Protein backbone atom coordinates (compact mmCIF):
# COMPACT_ATOMS: atom_id res chain seq x y z
CA MET A 1 -9.70 11.88 29.86
CA LYS A 2 -7.91 9.26 27.77
CA ILE A 3 -8.81 7.52 24.50
CA PHE A 4 -8.21 3.91 23.84
CA LYS A 5 -8.85 2.24 20.27
CA PHE A 6 -9.11 -1.38 19.84
CA GLY A 7 -8.97 -2.59 16.08
CA GLY A 8 -10.32 -5.73 14.33
CA VAL A 9 -7.43 -8.00 15.36
CA SER A 10 -7.70 -7.27 19.14
CA THR A 11 -11.41 -8.15 18.94
CA GLN A 12 -11.48 -10.98 16.62
CA ASP A 13 -12.16 -13.97 18.88
CA PRO A 14 -13.39 -14.28 22.52
CA GLU A 15 -9.74 -14.71 23.87
CA ASN A 16 -8.75 -11.40 22.34
CA ILE A 17 -11.98 -9.73 23.67
CA LYS A 18 -11.21 -11.08 27.22
CA ASN A 19 -7.90 -9.38 26.82
CA VAL A 20 -9.45 -5.95 26.21
CA VAL A 21 -10.81 -6.37 29.77
CA SER A 22 -7.40 -7.26 30.91
CA VAL A 23 -5.84 -4.18 29.33
CA ILE A 24 -8.43 -1.88 30.80
CA ASN A 25 -7.97 -3.40 34.32
CA GLN A 26 -4.24 -3.35 33.94
CA THR A 27 -4.01 0.42 32.88
CA ASN A 28 -6.56 1.12 35.56
CA GLU A 29 -8.03 4.13 33.75
CA LYS A 30 -11.43 5.52 35.34
CA GLN A 31 -11.99 8.24 32.77
CA LEU A 32 -11.91 6.72 29.24
CA VAL A 33 -13.53 6.64 25.99
CA VAL A 34 -13.11 3.09 24.30
CA VAL A 35 -13.33 3.20 20.51
CA VAL A 36 -13.86 -0.22 18.73
CA SER A 37 -13.85 -1.36 15.17
CA ALA A 38 -15.70 -4.18 13.52
CA MET A 39 -14.34 -7.67 14.73
CA GLY A 40 -11.71 -9.45 12.65
CA LYS A 41 -12.32 -9.31 8.94
CA ILE A 42 -15.99 -8.46 9.32
CA THR A 43 -15.56 -5.23 7.31
CA ASN A 44 -14.31 -7.26 4.36
CA LEU A 45 -17.52 -9.67 4.60
CA LEU A 46 -19.89 -6.80 4.71
CA GLU A 47 -18.10 -5.30 1.60
CA LYS A 48 -19.08 -8.60 -0.18
CA ILE A 49 -22.55 -8.20 1.03
CA VAL A 50 -22.70 -4.70 -0.52
CA THR A 51 -21.38 -6.06 -3.72
CA GLU A 52 -23.71 -8.90 -3.78
CA TYR A 53 -26.75 -6.75 -2.92
CA LEU A 54 -26.13 -4.23 -5.76
CA GLY A 55 -25.09 -6.87 -8.30
CA ASP A 56 -27.55 -8.53 -10.76
CA ASP A 57 -27.16 -12.03 -9.37
CA ASN A 58 -28.07 -12.03 -5.50
CA THR A 59 -27.83 -15.88 -5.04
CA LYS A 60 -24.96 -15.50 -2.49
CA LEU A 61 -26.50 -12.77 -0.39
CA HIS A 62 -28.40 -14.75 2.06
CA GLN A 63 -25.36 -17.08 2.63
CA LEU A 64 -23.21 -14.15 3.19
CA ILE A 65 -25.61 -12.59 5.70
CA ILE A 66 -25.88 -15.97 7.51
CA GLU A 67 -22.01 -16.09 7.67
CA PHE A 68 -22.01 -12.38 9.18
CA GLN A 69 -24.50 -13.42 12.05
CA THR A 70 -23.01 -16.88 12.68
CA TYR A 71 -19.44 -15.32 13.30
CA HIS A 72 -20.86 -12.98 16.09
CA ILE A 73 -23.06 -15.58 17.58
CA GLN A 74 -20.01 -17.88 18.12
CA ILE A 75 -18.02 -14.99 19.71
CA ILE A 76 -21.05 -14.47 22.08
CA ASN A 77 -21.00 -18.25 22.79
CA GLY A 78 -17.41 -18.15 23.67
CA LEU A 79 -17.95 -15.08 26.07
CA PHE A 80 -21.30 -15.60 27.80
CA GLU A 81 -21.99 -18.86 29.89
CA ASN A 82 -25.59 -18.00 30.05
CA LYS A 83 -27.20 -18.95 26.88
CA ASN A 84 -30.33 -16.80 27.84
CA HIS A 85 -28.25 -13.76 28.39
CA SER A 86 -29.77 -10.47 26.96
CA ILE A 87 -26.87 -10.07 24.58
CA TYR A 88 -28.55 -12.72 22.36
CA LYS A 89 -31.54 -10.50 21.96
CA SER A 90 -29.60 -7.23 21.67
CA VAL A 91 -27.50 -8.72 18.88
CA LYS A 92 -30.55 -10.18 16.95
CA GLU A 93 -32.09 -6.73 17.01
CA VAL A 94 -29.01 -5.27 15.12
CA PHE A 95 -29.31 -8.24 12.67
CA LYS A 96 -32.99 -7.36 12.11
CA LYS A 97 -32.12 -3.72 11.30
CA LEU A 98 -29.57 -4.79 8.77
CA ASN A 99 -32.05 -7.17 7.13
CA TYR A 100 -34.83 -4.41 7.10
CA PHE A 101 -32.40 -2.13 5.31
CA ILE A 102 -31.56 -4.65 2.70
CA GLU A 103 -35.41 -5.53 2.21
CA THR A 104 -36.70 -1.94 1.91
CA ASN A 105 -33.85 0.25 0.65
CA LYS A 106 -34.55 1.53 -2.89
CA SER A 107 -31.28 3.43 -3.49
CA LYS A 108 -28.70 2.04 -6.04
CA ASN A 109 -26.08 4.75 -4.89
CA HIS A 110 -23.11 2.41 -4.16
CA ALA A 111 -21.47 4.91 -1.61
CA PHE A 112 -24.65 5.34 0.23
CA VAL A 113 -25.52 1.70 0.41
CA TYR A 114 -21.79 0.82 1.46
CA ASP A 115 -22.12 3.21 4.45
CA GLN A 116 -25.53 1.96 5.60
CA ILE A 117 -24.46 -1.73 5.33
CA VAL A 118 -20.73 -1.87 6.25
CA SER A 119 -21.44 0.18 9.63
CA TYR A 120 -23.26 -2.82 11.08
CA GLY A 121 -19.83 -4.38 11.84
CA GLU A 122 -19.22 -1.59 14.36
CA PHE A 123 -22.79 -1.75 15.78
CA VAL A 124 -22.60 -5.55 16.51
CA SER A 125 -19.13 -5.15 17.87
CA SER A 126 -19.68 -2.36 20.22
CA THR A 127 -22.86 -3.94 21.53
CA ILE A 128 -21.16 -7.31 22.29
CA ILE A 129 -17.98 -5.56 23.84
CA SER A 130 -19.90 -3.14 25.97
CA THR A 131 -21.99 -5.94 27.52
CA TYR A 132 -19.12 -8.05 28.17
CA LEU A 133 -17.29 -5.28 29.92
CA THR A 134 -20.30 -4.79 32.19
CA GLU A 135 -20.27 -8.66 32.65
CA ALA A 136 -16.69 -8.42 33.66
CA GLY A 137 -17.31 -5.72 36.21
CA ILE A 138 -16.30 -2.67 34.03
CA GLU A 139 -19.20 -0.38 34.11
CA ASN A 140 -19.46 1.50 30.91
CA ILE A 141 -21.86 3.79 28.88
CA LEU A 142 -22.60 2.60 25.25
CA LEU A 143 -22.70 5.62 23.08
CA ASP A 144 -23.87 5.65 19.49
CA ALA A 145 -20.99 7.54 17.52
CA ARG A 146 -23.71 8.89 15.16
CA SER A 147 -25.37 11.00 17.80
CA CYS A 148 -21.98 12.84 18.24
CA ILE A 149 -19.96 12.94 14.98
CA LYS A 150 -22.00 14.87 12.45
CA THR A 151 -20.67 15.04 8.76
CA ASP A 152 -21.52 16.19 5.19
CA ALA A 153 -23.17 13.66 2.88
CA THR A 154 -19.83 12.50 1.08
CA TYR A 155 -20.56 8.87 1.71
CA ARG A 156 -17.48 6.74 2.38
CA GLU A 157 -15.27 9.76 2.90
CA ALA A 158 -17.38 12.00 5.05
CA LYS A 159 -16.13 15.27 6.23
CA VAL A 160 -16.50 16.14 9.91
CA ASP A 161 -18.58 19.22 10.95
CA TRP A 162 -16.12 20.00 13.93
CA GLU A 163 -18.27 22.64 15.63
CA ILE A 164 -21.38 20.59 15.86
CA THR A 165 -19.40 17.50 16.63
CA GLN A 166 -17.50 19.08 19.50
CA LYS A 167 -20.65 20.40 20.90
CA ASN A 168 -22.43 17.01 20.82
CA ILE A 169 -19.26 15.12 22.36
CA LEU A 170 -18.91 17.49 25.34
CA ALA A 171 -22.52 17.12 26.07
CA GLN A 172 -22.74 13.38 25.88
CA VAL A 173 -19.44 12.09 27.22
CA ARG A 174 -19.71 11.98 31.07
CA PRO A 175 -16.43 12.82 33.08
CA ASN A 176 -15.16 10.04 35.54
CA SER A 177 -16.80 7.40 33.54
CA ILE A 178 -15.87 4.75 30.76
CA THR A 179 -17.72 5.37 27.52
CA LEU A 180 -17.53 2.82 24.60
CA THR A 181 -18.44 3.92 21.10
CA GLN A 182 -17.93 2.87 17.49
CA GLY A 183 -15.10 3.86 15.24
CA PHE A 184 -15.41 4.59 11.56
CA ILE A 185 -18.93 5.86 11.54
CA GLY A 186 -20.75 9.29 11.80
CA ALA A 187 -24.10 10.55 10.62
CA GLU A 188 -24.95 13.10 7.91
CA ARG A 189 -26.25 16.25 9.73
CA VAL A 190 -29.29 16.92 7.53
CA ASN A 191 -31.14 13.57 7.22
CA ASN A 192 -29.18 11.62 9.78
CA PHE A 193 -28.13 8.86 7.40
CA THR A 194 -25.12 6.77 8.67
CA THR A 195 -21.81 7.88 7.01
CA THR A 196 -18.24 6.45 7.18
CA LEU A 197 -15.05 8.45 7.63
CA GLY A 198 -12.98 6.71 5.04
CA ARG A 199 -9.49 4.91 5.27
CA GLU A 200 -8.36 4.32 9.01
CA GLY A 201 -11.71 5.65 9.99
CA SER A 202 -11.65 4.18 13.72
CA ASP A 203 -8.27 5.71 14.29
CA TYR A 204 -9.65 8.84 13.04
CA THR A 205 -12.68 8.73 15.42
CA ALA A 206 -10.29 8.25 18.44
CA ALA A 207 -8.63 11.53 17.23
CA ILE A 208 -11.89 13.24 16.94
CA PHE A 209 -12.93 12.45 20.59
CA ALA A 210 -9.46 13.42 21.71
CA TYR A 211 -9.70 16.85 20.13
CA CYS A 212 -13.10 17.62 21.26
CA LEU A 213 -12.48 16.45 24.86
CA ASN A 214 -8.98 18.03 25.11
CA ALA A 215 -7.79 14.42 26.02
CA GLU A 216 -4.60 13.68 27.73
CA SER A 217 -3.58 11.06 25.20
CA VAL A 218 -4.65 8.47 22.56
CA THR A 219 -3.56 4.96 22.68
CA ILE A 220 -4.05 2.34 19.55
CA TRP A 221 -3.82 -0.96 20.88
CA LYS A 222 -2.27 -3.42 18.37
CA ASP A 223 -0.86 -7.02 17.92
CA VAL A 224 2.60 -5.35 17.66
CA PRO A 225 4.93 -3.72 20.13
CA GLY A 226 4.56 -0.30 18.48
CA VAL A 227 5.94 1.25 15.14
CA LEU A 228 8.81 -0.40 13.68
CA ASN A 229 11.31 1.09 11.36
CA ALA A 230 10.51 -1.58 8.72
CA ASP A 231 7.84 -4.21 7.88
CA PRO A 232 9.08 -7.68 9.42
CA ARG A 233 7.65 -9.43 6.49
CA TYR A 234 10.16 -7.98 4.15
CA PHE A 235 13.02 -6.86 6.49
CA LYS A 236 15.04 -8.75 9.12
CA ASN A 237 15.49 -7.48 12.63
CA PRO A 238 13.42 -4.41 12.47
CA GLN A 239 13.62 -1.87 15.38
CA LEU A 240 11.10 -0.43 17.63
CA LEU A 241 10.78 3.31 17.28
CA ASN A 242 10.33 4.59 20.77
CA HIS A 243 9.33 8.11 19.60
CA ILE A 244 8.34 9.82 16.34
CA SER A 245 7.41 13.44 15.68
CA TYR A 246 4.07 14.30 14.25
CA HIS A 247 5.87 15.47 10.94
CA GLU A 248 7.85 12.45 10.54
CA ALA A 249 4.79 10.05 11.14
CA ILE A 250 3.06 12.01 8.31
CA GLU A 251 5.95 11.76 6.07
CA LEU A 252 6.22 7.92 6.77
CA ALA A 253 2.46 7.38 6.14
CA PHE A 254 2.57 9.49 2.86
CA TYR A 255 5.29 7.15 1.51
CA GLY A 256 3.06 4.00 2.42
CA ALA A 257 4.27 2.91 5.89
CA SER A 258 1.52 1.37 8.04
CA VAL A 259 2.11 3.90 10.68
CA ILE A 260 -0.89 6.26 11.37
CA HIS A 261 -3.03 8.07 8.81
CA PRO A 262 -2.31 11.71 8.38
CA LYS A 263 -5.93 12.70 8.98
CA THR A 264 -5.70 11.03 12.39
CA LEU A 265 -2.56 13.02 13.29
CA GLN A 266 -3.69 16.34 12.22
CA PRO A 267 -6.33 17.06 14.97
CA LEU A 268 -3.91 15.67 17.61
CA GLN A 269 -1.04 17.72 16.40
CA ARG A 270 -3.31 20.95 16.72
CA LYS A 271 -3.75 20.31 20.29
CA GLU A 272 -0.38 18.47 20.93
CA ILE A 273 -2.10 15.36 22.15
CA PRO A 274 0.48 12.43 22.04
CA LEU A 275 -0.63 9.36 20.46
CA PHE A 276 0.76 5.82 21.71
CA VAL A 277 0.88 2.70 19.66
CA LYS A 278 1.08 -0.21 22.10
CA SER A 279 0.81 -3.97 22.23
CA PHE A 280 -2.56 -5.42 23.50
CA LYS A 281 -0.49 -8.41 24.46
CA ASN A 282 1.99 -6.44 26.69
CA PRO A 283 -0.01 -3.25 27.78
CA LYS A 284 2.67 -2.24 30.27
CA ASP A 285 5.44 -2.11 27.65
CA ALA A 286 6.10 1.68 26.49
CA GLY A 287 5.39 1.01 22.77
CA THR A 288 5.79 4.12 20.45
CA CYS A 289 4.82 7.61 21.07
CA VAL A 290 3.88 9.96 18.33
CA GLY A 291 4.10 13.58 19.60
CA LYS A 292 6.36 16.55 20.02
CA GLY A 293 10.02 16.32 20.39
CA ALA A 294 12.75 14.34 18.47
CA THR A 295 12.00 13.31 14.92
CA LEU A 296 12.99 9.84 15.64
CA ASP A 297 14.31 7.89 18.59
CA PRO A 298 16.50 5.84 17.93
CA GLN A 299 17.87 7.75 14.99
CA VAL A 300 17.65 4.91 12.41
CA SER A 301 16.69 4.51 8.76
CA CYS A 302 13.12 3.79 8.07
CA PHE A 303 12.23 1.30 5.14
CA ILE A 304 9.04 1.22 3.29
CA LEU A 305 8.44 -1.44 0.50
CA LYS A 306 5.57 -1.24 -2.12
CA GLY A 307 5.53 -4.41 -4.44
CA ASN A 308 3.60 -5.05 -7.63
CA GLN A 309 4.17 -1.54 -9.00
CA VAL A 310 4.08 -0.28 -12.53
CA LEU A 311 6.77 2.10 -13.77
CA LEU A 312 5.71 4.10 -16.66
CA SER A 313 8.15 6.13 -18.82
CA LEU A 314 6.65 8.76 -21.26
CA SER A 315 8.47 10.78 -23.88
CA SER A 316 6.99 13.35 -26.35
CA LEU A 317 6.37 12.00 -29.96
CA ASP A 318 8.18 14.91 -31.56
CA PHE A 319 10.74 15.63 -29.05
CA SER A 320 9.08 18.49 -27.65
CA PHE A 321 9.37 19.61 -24.10
CA ILE A 322 7.04 17.91 -21.70
CA MET A 323 5.57 20.92 -19.98
CA GLU A 324 2.56 21.71 -17.56
CA ASP A 325 -0.08 21.10 -20.20
CA ASN A 326 1.27 17.58 -20.97
CA ILE A 327 1.68 16.81 -17.35
CA SER A 328 -1.63 17.96 -16.44
CA ASP A 329 -3.18 15.50 -19.05
CA VAL A 330 -1.19 12.67 -17.59
CA PHE A 331 -2.44 13.33 -14.09
CA ARG A 332 -5.88 13.67 -15.38
CA TRP A 333 -5.68 10.39 -16.74
CA LEU A 334 -3.99 8.67 -13.87
CA HIS A 335 -6.82 9.99 -11.66
CA GLU A 336 -9.51 8.85 -14.29
CA TYR A 337 -8.02 5.38 -14.30
CA LYS A 338 -7.60 5.17 -10.38
CA MET A 339 -3.75 4.89 -10.53
CA LYS A 340 -2.13 5.84 -7.28
CA VAL A 341 1.11 7.69 -7.94
CA ASN A 342 3.93 6.90 -5.66
CA LEU A 343 6.85 8.71 -7.37
CA ILE A 344 7.41 11.06 -10.40
CA GLN A 345 10.55 12.03 -12.18
CA ASN A 346 10.83 14.32 -15.36
CA SER A 347 13.39 15.79 -17.65
CA ALA A 348 12.98 18.14 -20.70
CA ILE A 349 11.41 15.28 -22.87
CA SER A 350 10.50 12.45 -20.56
CA PHE A 351 8.36 11.78 -17.48
CA SER A 352 8.40 8.76 -15.49
CA VAL A 353 5.86 7.77 -12.85
CA CYS A 354 5.59 4.87 -10.57
CA VAL A 355 2.03 3.71 -10.00
CA ASP A 356 -0.13 1.15 -8.16
CA ASN A 357 -2.37 -0.68 -10.49
CA LYS A 358 -4.78 -1.66 -7.70
CA TYR A 359 -7.89 -1.59 -9.85
CA ASP A 360 -6.24 -3.33 -13.13
CA ASN A 361 -6.69 -0.45 -15.33
CA LEU A 362 -3.24 -0.46 -16.89
CA GLU A 363 -4.46 -1.62 -20.51
CA ALA A 364 -6.87 1.16 -20.81
CA LEU A 365 -4.60 3.93 -19.41
CA LEU A 366 -1.88 2.58 -21.82
CA LYS A 367 -4.19 2.99 -24.75
CA LYS A 368 -4.91 6.66 -23.70
CA LEU A 369 -1.32 7.59 -23.06
CA ARG A 370 -0.27 6.30 -26.57
CA GLU A 371 -2.36 8.92 -28.23
CA LYS A 372 -0.12 11.60 -27.15
CA PHE A 373 3.21 10.01 -26.03
CA LYS A 374 5.74 7.23 -26.68
CA VAL A 375 5.15 4.83 -23.81
CA LYS A 376 7.37 2.45 -22.12
CA TRP A 377 6.51 0.48 -19.04
CA ASN A 378 7.63 -2.25 -16.49
CA GLU A 379 5.31 -4.17 -14.52
CA ASN A 380 5.69 -6.03 -11.19
CA VAL A 381 8.51 -3.65 -10.02
CA THR A 382 9.27 -2.79 -6.41
CA LEU A 383 9.37 0.73 -4.92
CA TYR A 384 11.75 1.24 -1.92
CA THR A 385 11.48 4.25 0.11
CA VAL A 386 14.17 4.93 2.74
CA ARG A 387 13.91 7.70 5.09
CA HIS A 388 17.21 9.01 6.76
CA SER A 389 19.21 6.35 4.85
CA LYS A 390 22.92 5.57 4.82
CA PRO A 391 24.55 4.98 1.40
CA SER A 392 25.63 1.25 2.43
CA GLU A 393 21.95 0.61 3.12
CA ILE A 394 20.95 1.72 -0.52
CA LYS A 395 23.78 -0.16 -1.96
CA LEU A 396 22.55 -3.44 -0.07
CA LEU A 397 19.02 -2.81 -1.22
CA THR A 398 19.89 -2.61 -4.90
CA GLN A 399 22.39 -5.50 -4.88
CA ASP A 400 21.67 -8.09 -7.47
CA LYS A 401 18.56 -6.10 -8.54
CA GLN A 402 18.07 -4.14 -11.89
CA LEU A 403 17.98 -0.55 -10.90
CA LEU A 404 15.25 1.26 -12.98
CA LEU A 405 15.01 4.72 -11.23
CA LYS A 406 16.43 6.54 -8.38
CA GLN A 407 15.52 9.74 -6.72
CA GLU A 408 17.11 11.37 -3.67
CA SER A 409 16.41 14.34 -1.39
CA ARG A 410 17.74 15.52 1.79
CA GLU A 411 15.82 13.02 3.82
CA THR A 412 14.33 10.48 1.53
CA VAL A 413 15.74 8.08 -1.13
CA GLN A 414 13.33 6.31 -3.48
CA ILE A 415 14.41 3.50 -5.78
CA VAL A 416 12.55 1.48 -8.22
CA VAL A 417 13.92 -1.95 -8.97
CA LYS A 418 13.28 -5.19 -10.85
CA GLU A 419 13.87 -8.10 -8.35
């Protein structure tokens, strides 16, 4: 068994969905689980629906729901010539279920409502793609992922019950067939409410099925040739990485590279199942393999850039040492104000931390910190993380920039600069 995962970009319009058929035909796999995400930016649209639904003013709610429906109907129009095809009825049934939830739900629990509404992106996507595969001559079984993946009730970040999930997957995925299912979602094991698996949930779904089925491999199909050693938006001439070890991929993901989320890699690593990242535009190209073996091939430096960061520098008010009790306070407040920590450095009487002010809570945090520390800060700084770097590369990165902080270990250099 092999596992294929197609994300939102690979299914965002009729041409790309037709290309999914082409990929499956070219790879000629007959024993396959295909995991699909919501199409395009539909998850973002559904998040807006959640916000509008739970807000005080629902004036835009109907308009957003119509936008959600129209997007998918236009995709169906581009895929099916027969305007009386059963797919129209199937998708309208999914729309009805979404509307029914919105009309009858009494819960104001944001995380619960989020999971119930946002999951409809996957339901519609899988319904359309499964039907189109059949239309194109690829017989497949549409499997509701919620009947397989059972979780706890931690909505938006559900924890998988591996024992029940494995039993369900082995019972429901037929050998020598193509099964199509949804990424990102599961079901809470007590009341069977829909749950979502958190960040990179569809990749994680692919890994769950691979682990439970002892799959030969997982392939994630993207609009890039594979994993690059740098983001082409910020760095010239990035190189394709042919091979990355599980450990190196987790390190890169930790520092912010858009490789593969560690939670996706962990079940694969336990059973040494290789993961491939390939281009859906050129499916016969080798792409990148994440698995056993060499740390990196080729052995090149890997560059990660995080912009719009905040560098906080704290010092004690009375020149006393900054010890564990002070640092624990700082981390509690960073957690409270939802500041993601990307770098820390401390000395006897000072403590520096580079954070992501994603939720715009800086002013509130500064007010709290000033109660206990002298505080200096720099906004809109850039954090560079370089794995396996050469001194000449670091020199080039800091050229014509104000260097605010540098930290170096055996394999990793991190620098914070003002551009």
